[in-house]
Amino acid sequence: MTEHNADVRMLIEHIAKSLVDAPEQVFVEQLDGDVIELEVAESDMGKVIGRQGRTVRAMRAVLSAAGVRAHKRYTLEVVE
């Protein structure tokens, strides 16, 4: 994993841990280089998604902006 990929993964992990009640149950995994999977506790799923998906949409926007530097298009998937 390159340095930039690790930074992007850590960025999503930090944001997610700041949002949830159980930060020890936040897991971020990078698949196929451009897909980032975010797994949180079932009780925290609503906090990560937000009202009408606003929070996860904002996280995807931050991820997209971070990917511009590396000339990559990242995808964020929230896993139950």
C-alpha atoms as a PDB file:
ATOM      1  CA  MET A   1       0.000   0.000   0.000  1.00  0.00           C
ATOM      2  CA  THR A   2       1.410   3.349  -0.976  1.00  0.00           C
ATOM      3  CA  GLU A   3       1.749   6.256   1.402  1.00  0.00           C
ATOM      4  CA  HIS A   4      -1.137   8.198  -0.132  1.00  0.00           C
ATOM      5  CA  ASN A   5      -3.473   5.196   0.049  1.00  0.00           C
ATOM      6  CA  ALA A   6      -2.649   4.778   3.736  1.00  0.00           C
ATOM      7  CA  ASP A   7      -3.328   8.489   4.317  1.00  0.00           C
ATOM      8  CA  VAL A   8      -6.741   8.254   2.663  1.00  0.00           C
ATOM      9  CA  ARG A   9      -7.637   5.166   4.682  1.00  0.00           C
ATOM     10  CA  MET A  10      -6.533   6.864   7.910  1.00  0.00           C
ATOM     11  CA  LEU A  11      -8.531   9.982   6.996  1.00  0.00           C
ATOM     12  CA  ILE A  12     -11.771   8.012   6.665  1.00  0.00           C
ATOM     13  CA  GLU A  13     -10.991   6.076   9.836  1.00  0.00           C
ATOM     14  CA  HIS A  14     -10.404   9.282  11.811  1.00  0.00           C
ATOM     15  CA  ILE A  15     -13.635  10.882  10.568  1.00  0.00           C
ATOM     16  CA  ALA A  16     -15.670   7.753  11.314  1.00  0.00           C
ATOM     17  CA  LYS A  17     -14.205   7.324  14.802  1.00  0.00           C
ATOM     18  CA  SER A  18     -15.065  10.939  15.568  1.00  0.00           C
ATOM     19  CA  LEU A  19     -18.709  10.366  14.645  1.00  0.00           C
ATOM     20  CA  VAL A  20     -19.569   7.107  16.412  1.00  0.00           C
ATOM     21  CA  ASP A  21     -20.152   6.067  20.021  1.00  0.00           C
ATOM     22  CA  ALA A  22     -18.033   2.903  19.712  1.00  0.00           C
ATOM     23  CA  PRO A  23     -14.797   3.951  17.952  1.00  0.00           C
ATOM     24  CA  GLU A  24     -13.159   0.620  18.785  1.00  0.00           C
ATOM     25  CA  GLN A  25     -15.606  -1.073  16.388  1.00  0.00           C
ATOM     26  CA  VAL A  26     -14.636   1.053  13.377  1.00  0.00           C
ATOM     27  CA  PHE A  27     -12.742  -0.860  10.718  1.00  0.00           C
ATOM     28  CA  VAL A  28     -11.526   0.591   7.428  1.00  0.00           C
ATOM     29  CA  GLU A  29     -10.173  -1.668   4.717  1.00  0.00           C
ATOM     30  CA  GLN A  30      -8.902  -0.806   1.272  1.00  0.00           C
ATOM     31  CA  LEU A  31      -9.940  -3.175  -1.502  1.00  0.00           C
ATOM     32  CA  ASP A  32      -8.680  -3.202  -5.085  1.00  0.00           C
ATOM     33  CA  GLY A  33      -6.750   0.020  -4.550  1.00  0.00           C
ATOM     34  CA  ASP A  34      -9.659   2.403  -5.118  1.00  0.00           C
ATOM     35  CA  VAL A  35     -12.479   0.945  -2.990  1.00  0.00           C
ATOM     36  CA  ILE A  36     -12.533   1.789   0.709  1.00  0.00           C
ATOM     37  CA  GLU A  37     -14.823  -0.231   2.950  1.00  0.00           C
ATOM     38  CA  LEU A  38     -16.034   1.271   6.216  1.00  0.00           C
ATOM     39  CA  GLU A  39     -17.474  -1.031   8.853  1.00  0.00           C
ATOM     40  CA  VAL A  40     -19.050   0.304  12.061  1.00  0.00           C
ATOM     41  CA  ALA A  41     -21.209  -1.103  14.840  1.00  0.00           C
ATOM     42  CA  GLU A  42     -24.839  -1.613  13.890  1.00  0.00           C
ATOM     43  CA  SER A  43     -25.965   0.932  16.492  1.00  0.00           C
ATOM     44  CA  ASP A  44     -23.683   3.576  14.929  1.00  0.00           C
ATOM     45  CA  MET A  45     -24.784   3.024  11.335  1.00  0.00           C
ATOM     46  CA  GLY A  46     -27.249   5.912  11.465  1.00  0.00           C
ATOM     47  CA  LYS A  47     -24.601   8.314  12.701  1.00  0.00           C
ATOM     48  CA  VAL A  48     -22.266   7.460   9.842  1.00  0.00           C
ATOM     49  CA  ILE A  49     -24.981   7.669   7.191  1.00  0.00           C
ATOM     50  CA  GLY A  50     -26.691  10.748   8.624  1.00  0.00           C
ATOM     51  CA  ARG A  51     -30.039  12.253   7.737  1.00  0.00           C
ATOM     52  CA  GLN A  52     -30.889  11.465   4.143  1.00  0.00           C
ATOM     53  CA  GLY A  53     -27.294  10.263   3.670  1.00  0.00           C
ATOM     54  CA  ARG A  54     -25.753  13.691   4.176  1.00  0.00           C
ATOM     55  CA  THR A  55     -22.893  12.560   6.419  1.00  0.00           C
ATOM     56  CA  VAL A  56     -21.760   9.705   4.180  1.00  0.00           C
ATOM     57  CA  ARG A  57     -22.123  11.996   1.153  1.00  0.00           C
ATOM     58  CA  ALA A  58     -19.829  14.513   2.855  1.00  0.00           C
ATOM     59  CA  MET A  59     -17.308  11.768   3.650  1.00  0.00           C
ATOM     60  CA  ARG A  60     -17.377  10.731  -0.006  1.00  0.00           C
ATOM     61  CA  ALA A  61     -16.780  14.345  -1.050  1.00  0.00           C
ATOM     62  CA  VAL A  62     -13.738  14.570   1.240  1.00  0.00           C
ATOM     63  CA  LEU A  63     -12.494  11.252  -0.135  1.00  0.00           C
ATOM     64  CA  SER A  64     -12.959  12.491  -3.679  1.00  0.00           C
ATOM     65  CA  ALA A  65     -11.028  15.681  -2.931  1.00  0.00           C
ATOM     66  CA  ALA A  66      -8.203  13.648  -1.387  1.00  0.00           C
ATOM     67  CA  GLY A  67      -8.117  11.440  -4.471  1.00  0.00           C
ATOM     68  CA  VAL A  68      -7.560  14.384  -6.804  1.00  0.00           C
ATOM     69  CA  ARG A  69      -3.984  14.710  -5.570  1.00  0.00           C
ATOM     70  CA  ALA A  70      -3.234  11.093  -6.439  1.00  0.00           C
ATOM     71  CA  HIS A  71      -5.198  11.199  -9.705  1.00  0.00           C
ATOM     72  CA  LYS A  72      -7.466   8.434  -8.407  1.00  0.00           C
ATOM     73  CA  ARG A  73     -11.198   8.073  -7.963  1.00  0.00           C
ATOM     74  CA  TYR A  74     -11.940   6.466  -4.622  1.00  0.00           C
ATOM     75  CA  THR A  75     -15.223   4.792  -3.703  1.00  0.00           C
ATOM     76  CA  LEU A  76     -16.508   4.597  -0.129  1.00  0.00           C
ATOM     77  CA  GLU A  77     -18.725   1.666   0.788  1.00  0.00           C
ATOM     78  CA  VAL A  78     -20.381   1.411   4.207  1.00  0.00           C
ATOM     79  CA  VAL A  79     -20.724  -2.220   5.299  1.00  0.00           C
ATOM     80  CA  GLU A  80     -23.151  -3.489   7.916  1.00  0.00           C
END
